Amino acid sequence: MIVTLREIIDVLIMTLALGYIFKDAFVQNIYQHVSGFNWRDFWYAALITAPGIILHEFGHKIVALVYGLAATFHAHYGFLL
C-alpha cells in the first residue's frame, strides 16, 4: 500500500493545523473586519499552504520508495502545536 490510513489522518490534521496557523497571513479582504473566527480565511489559508507542504513531504516518500526504502509520512504534532 502506498498511502496508509494513518498517513491520510496525518494529512487531514496537518491541513487543519496549517489553515489555523496561516489564517491571519492570508486575509482575503483587509477592509472587512470580522469579529471572531473567520472560517473563510481559515479555508483559504489551508488551500494555499497545505498542498505545497504535503506534496513536498510526499515527494520525499516517493523518492525513498523509488530507491527501495520504506517511508512513512508522519505529521510533527509538536511543531503544529
N, C-alpha and C. Protein backbone atom coordinates (compact mmCIF):
# COMPACT_ATOMS: atom_id res chain seq x y z
N MET A 1 0.84 -1.18 0.00
CA MET A 1 0.00 0.00 0.00
C MET A 1 0.89 1.24 0.00
N ILE A 2 0.60 2.16 -0.88
CA ILE A 2 1.43 3.36 -0.99
C ILE A 2 1.09 4.37 0.09
N VAL A 3 -0.20 4.58 0.37
CA VAL A 3 -0.62 5.53 1.39
C VAL A 3 -1.46 4.78 2.41
N THR A 4 -1.10 4.92 3.67
CA THR A 4 -1.82 4.23 4.74
C THR A 4 -2.91 5.13 5.31
N LEU A 5 -3.81 4.54 6.06
CA LEU A 5 -4.88 5.29 6.70
C LEU A 5 -4.30 6.30 7.68
N ARG A 6 -3.26 5.93 8.40
CA ARG A 6 -2.63 6.84 9.36
C ARG A 6 -2.04 8.06 8.65
N GLU A 7 -1.47 7.86 7.47
CA GLU A 7 -0.94 8.99 6.71
C GLU A 7 -2.05 9.93 6.26
N ILE A 8 -3.17 9.38 5.86
CA ILE A 8 -4.32 10.21 5.45
C ILE A 8 -4.82 11.04 6.63
N ILE A 9 -4.89 10.42 7.80
CA ILE A 9 -5.31 11.15 9.01
C ILE A 9 -4.31 12.25 9.33
N ASP A 10 -3.01 11.95 9.23
CA ASP A 10 -1.99 12.97 9.48
C ASP A 10 -2.08 14.12 8.48
N VAL A 11 -2.38 13.82 7.22
CA VAL A 11 -2.53 14.87 6.22
C VAL A 11 -3.72 15.76 6.56
N LEU A 12 -4.83 15.18 6.97
CA LEU A 12 -6.01 15.98 7.33
C LEU A 12 -5.73 16.86 8.54
N ILE A 13 -5.09 16.30 9.56
CA ILE A 13 -4.76 17.08 10.76
C ILE A 13 -3.78 18.19 10.41
N MET A 14 -2.80 17.88 9.57
CA MET A 14 -1.82 18.89 9.19
C MET A 14 -2.47 20.00 8.36
N THR A 15 -3.42 19.66 7.50
CA THR A 15 -4.12 20.66 6.72
C THR A 15 -4.90 21.61 7.62
N LEU A 16 -5.61 21.06 8.59
CA LEU A 16 -6.36 21.90 9.52
C LEU A 16 -5.43 22.79 10.35
N ALA A 17 -4.32 22.23 10.81
CA ALA A 17 -3.38 23.00 11.61
C ALA A 17 -2.74 24.11 10.79
N LEU A 18 -2.36 23.83 9.56
CA LEU A 18 -1.77 24.86 8.70
C LEU A 18 -2.76 25.96 8.38
N GLY A 19 -4.01 25.59 8.15
CA GLY A 19 -5.05 26.60 7.93
C GLY A 19 -5.20 27.53 9.12
N TYR A 20 -5.14 26.96 10.31
CA TYR A 20 -5.25 27.77 11.52
C TYR A 20 -4.02 28.65 11.72
N ILE A 21 -2.85 28.08 11.49
CA ILE A 21 -1.61 28.83 11.70
C ILE A 21 -1.52 30.03 10.76
N PHE A 22 -1.91 29.85 9.50
CA PHE A 22 -1.74 30.90 8.50
C PHE A 22 -3.01 31.68 8.18
N LYS A 23 -4.08 31.50 8.96
CA LYS A 23 -5.34 32.17 8.65
C LYS A 23 -5.25 33.69 8.69
N ASP A 24 -4.37 34.23 9.51
CA ASP A 24 -4.23 35.68 9.58
C ASP A 24 -3.22 36.22 8.57
N ALA A 25 -2.43 35.34 7.97
CA ALA A 25 -1.45 35.77 6.99
C ALA A 25 -2.06 35.92 5.60
N PHE A 26 -3.12 35.18 5.32
CA PHE A 26 -3.77 35.23 4.01
C PHE A 26 -5.19 35.74 4.16
N VAL A 27 -5.32 36.99 4.52
CA VAL A 27 -6.63 37.61 4.69
C VAL A 27 -7.13 38.04 3.32
N GLN A 28 -8.34 37.62 2.98
CA GLN A 28 -8.87 37.91 1.64
C GLN A 28 -9.29 39.37 1.48
N ASN A 29 -9.91 39.94 2.49
CA ASN A 29 -10.37 41.32 2.40
C ASN A 29 -9.91 42.06 3.64
N ILE A 30 -8.87 42.87 3.50
CA ILE A 30 -8.30 43.53 4.68
C ILE A 30 -9.19 44.64 5.20
N TYR A 31 -10.14 45.10 4.42
CA TYR A 31 -11.00 46.19 4.85
C TYR A 31 -12.26 45.71 5.55
N GLN A 32 -12.53 44.44 5.47
CA GLN A 32 -13.72 43.89 6.12
C GLN A 32 -13.31 43.29 7.45
N HIS A 33 -13.77 43.88 8.54
CA HIS A 33 -13.44 43.39 9.87
C HIS A 33 -14.46 42.35 10.29
N VAL A 34 -13.99 41.18 10.61
CA VAL A 34 -14.86 40.10 11.06
C VAL A 34 -14.46 39.76 12.48
N SER A 35 -15.39 39.90 13.40
CA SER A 35 -15.08 39.55 14.78
C SER A 35 -15.21 38.04 14.95
N GLY A 36 -14.34 37.49 15.77
CA GLY A 36 -14.36 36.06 15.99
C GLY A 36 -13.53 35.32 14.95
N PHE A 37 -13.79 34.04 14.85
CA PHE A 37 -13.03 33.18 13.95
C PHE A 37 -13.56 33.32 12.53
N ASN A 38 -12.68 33.61 11.58
CA ASN A 38 -13.08 33.78 10.19
C ASN A 38 -12.81 32.49 9.42
N TRP A 39 -13.87 31.72 9.20
CA TRP A 39 -13.74 30.43 8.52
C TRP A 39 -13.27 30.57 7.09
N ARG A 40 -13.64 31.64 6.44
CA ARG A 40 -13.26 31.84 5.04
C ARG A 40 -11.74 31.99 4.91
N ASP A 41 -11.15 32.81 5.78
CA ASP A 41 -9.69 32.98 5.76
C ASP A 41 -8.99 31.69 6.16
N PHE A 42 -9.60 30.93 7.09
CA PHE A 42 -9.04 29.65 7.52
C PHE A 42 -8.94 28.68 6.35
N TRP A 43 -10.03 28.50 5.61
CA TRP A 43 -10.02 27.56 4.48
C TRP A 43 -9.15 28.06 3.34
N TYR A 44 -9.11 29.37 3.15
CA TYR A 44 -8.26 29.95 2.12
C TYR A 44 -6.79 29.69 2.43
N ALA A 45 -6.39 29.89 3.68
CA ALA A 45 -5.01 29.64 4.08
C ALA A 45 -4.67 28.16 3.97
N ALA A 46 -5.59 27.29 4.35
CA ALA A 46 -5.36 25.85 4.23
C ALA A 46 -5.21 25.44 2.77
N LEU A 47 -6.01 26.04 1.90
CA LEU A 47 -5.95 25.74 0.48
C LEU A 47 -4.64 26.19 -0.15
N ILE A 48 -4.06 27.26 0.37
CA ILE A 48 -2.81 27.78 -0.17
C ILE A 48 -1.59 27.03 0.38
N THR A 49 -1.53 26.83 1.68
CA THR A 49 -0.31 26.31 2.31
C THR A 49 -0.22 24.78 2.31
N ALA A 50 -1.31 24.11 2.59
CA ALA A 50 -1.25 22.65 2.78
C ALA A 50 -0.77 21.89 1.55
N PRO A 51 -1.28 22.17 0.36
CA PRO A 51 -0.82 21.37 -0.79
C PRO A 51 0.70 21.46 -1.01
N GLY A 52 1.27 22.64 -0.87
CA GLY A 52 2.70 22.79 -1.09
C GLY A 52 3.52 21.98 -0.10
N ILE A 53 3.17 22.05 1.15
CA ILE A 53 3.93 21.33 2.18
C ILE A 53 3.69 19.83 2.08
N ILE A 54 2.46 19.43 1.88
CA ILE A 54 2.14 18.00 1.81
C ILE A 54 2.75 17.35 0.57
N LEU A 55 2.66 18.01 -0.58
CA LEU A 55 3.27 17.46 -1.79
C LEU A 55 4.79 17.39 -1.66
N HIS A 56 5.38 18.37 -1.00
CA HIS A 56 6.82 18.35 -0.77
C HIS A 56 7.21 17.13 0.06
N GLU A 57 6.49 16.90 1.15
CA GLU A 57 6.81 15.78 2.04
C GLU A 57 6.54 14.43 1.36
N PHE A 58 5.48 14.35 0.56
CA PHE A 58 5.23 13.11 -0.16
C PHE A 58 6.26 12.90 -1.27
N GLY A 59 6.87 13.97 -1.73
CA GLY A 59 7.99 13.84 -2.67
C GLY A 59 9.15 13.10 -2.04
N HIS A 60 9.43 13.40 -0.77
CA HIS A 60 10.47 12.66 -0.04
C HIS A 60 10.11 11.17 0.03
N LYS A 61 8.84 10.89 0.30
CA LYS A 61 8.40 9.50 0.41
C LYS A 61 8.54 8.77 -0.93
N ILE A 62 8.15 9.43 -2.01
CA ILE A 62 8.21 8.80 -3.32
C ILE A 62 9.66 8.49 -3.70
N VAL A 63 10.55 9.42 -3.44
CA VAL A 63 11.96 9.19 -3.75
C VAL A 63 12.48 8.00 -2.95
N ALA A 64 12.13 7.94 -1.67
CA ALA A 64 12.56 6.81 -0.84
C ALA A 64 12.01 5.49 -1.39
N LEU A 65 10.75 5.47 -1.79
CA LEU A 65 10.16 4.25 -2.33
C LEU A 65 10.82 3.84 -3.65
N VAL A 66 11.18 4.82 -4.49
CA VAL A 66 11.85 4.52 -5.75
C VAL A 66 13.19 3.85 -5.50
N TYR A 67 13.87 4.27 -4.44
CA TYR A 67 15.16 3.67 -4.10
C TYR A 67 15.02 2.40 -3.27
N GLY A 68 13.80 1.93 -3.09
CA GLY A 68 13.57 0.67 -2.39
C GLY A 68 13.57 0.76 -0.88
N LEU A 69 13.46 1.95 -0.35
CA LEU A 69 13.43 2.14 1.09
C LEU A 69 12.00 2.23 1.60
N ALA A 70 11.81 1.93 2.85
CA ALA A 70 10.50 2.09 3.47
C ALA A 70 10.35 3.53 3.95
N ALA A 71 9.21 4.14 3.70
CA ALA A 71 8.98 5.52 4.11
C ALA A 71 7.54 5.69 4.53
N THR A 72 7.35 6.44 5.62
CA THR A 72 6.01 6.73 6.13
C THR A 72 5.93 8.21 6.47
N PHE A 73 4.85 8.84 6.06
CA PHE A 73 4.62 10.25 6.37
C PHE A 73 4.04 10.37 7.77
N HIS A 74 4.62 11.21 8.59
CA HIS A 74 4.12 11.49 9.94
C HIS A 74 4.05 13.00 10.13
N ALA A 75 2.93 13.48 10.65
CA ALA A 75 2.83 14.89 10.99
C ALA A 75 3.60 15.13 12.29
N HIS A 76 4.29 16.24 12.36
CA HIS A 76 5.05 16.59 13.56
C HIS A 76 4.12 17.42 14.46
N TYR A 77 3.43 16.73 15.38
CA TYR A 77 2.40 17.39 16.19
C TYR A 77 2.99 18.43 17.14
N GLY A 78 4.20 18.24 17.60
CA GLY A 78 4.84 19.24 18.46
C GLY A 78 5.03 20.55 17.73
N PHE A 79 5.45 20.49 16.47
CA PHE A 79 5.63 21.68 15.66
C PHE A 79 4.28 22.34 15.37
N LEU A 80 3.27 21.54 15.08
CA LEU A 80 1.96 22.09 14.73
C LEU A 80 1.28 22.78 15.92
N LEU A 81 1.59 22.32 17.12
CA LEU A 81 1.03 22.97 18.30
C LEU A 81 1.71 24.29 18.53
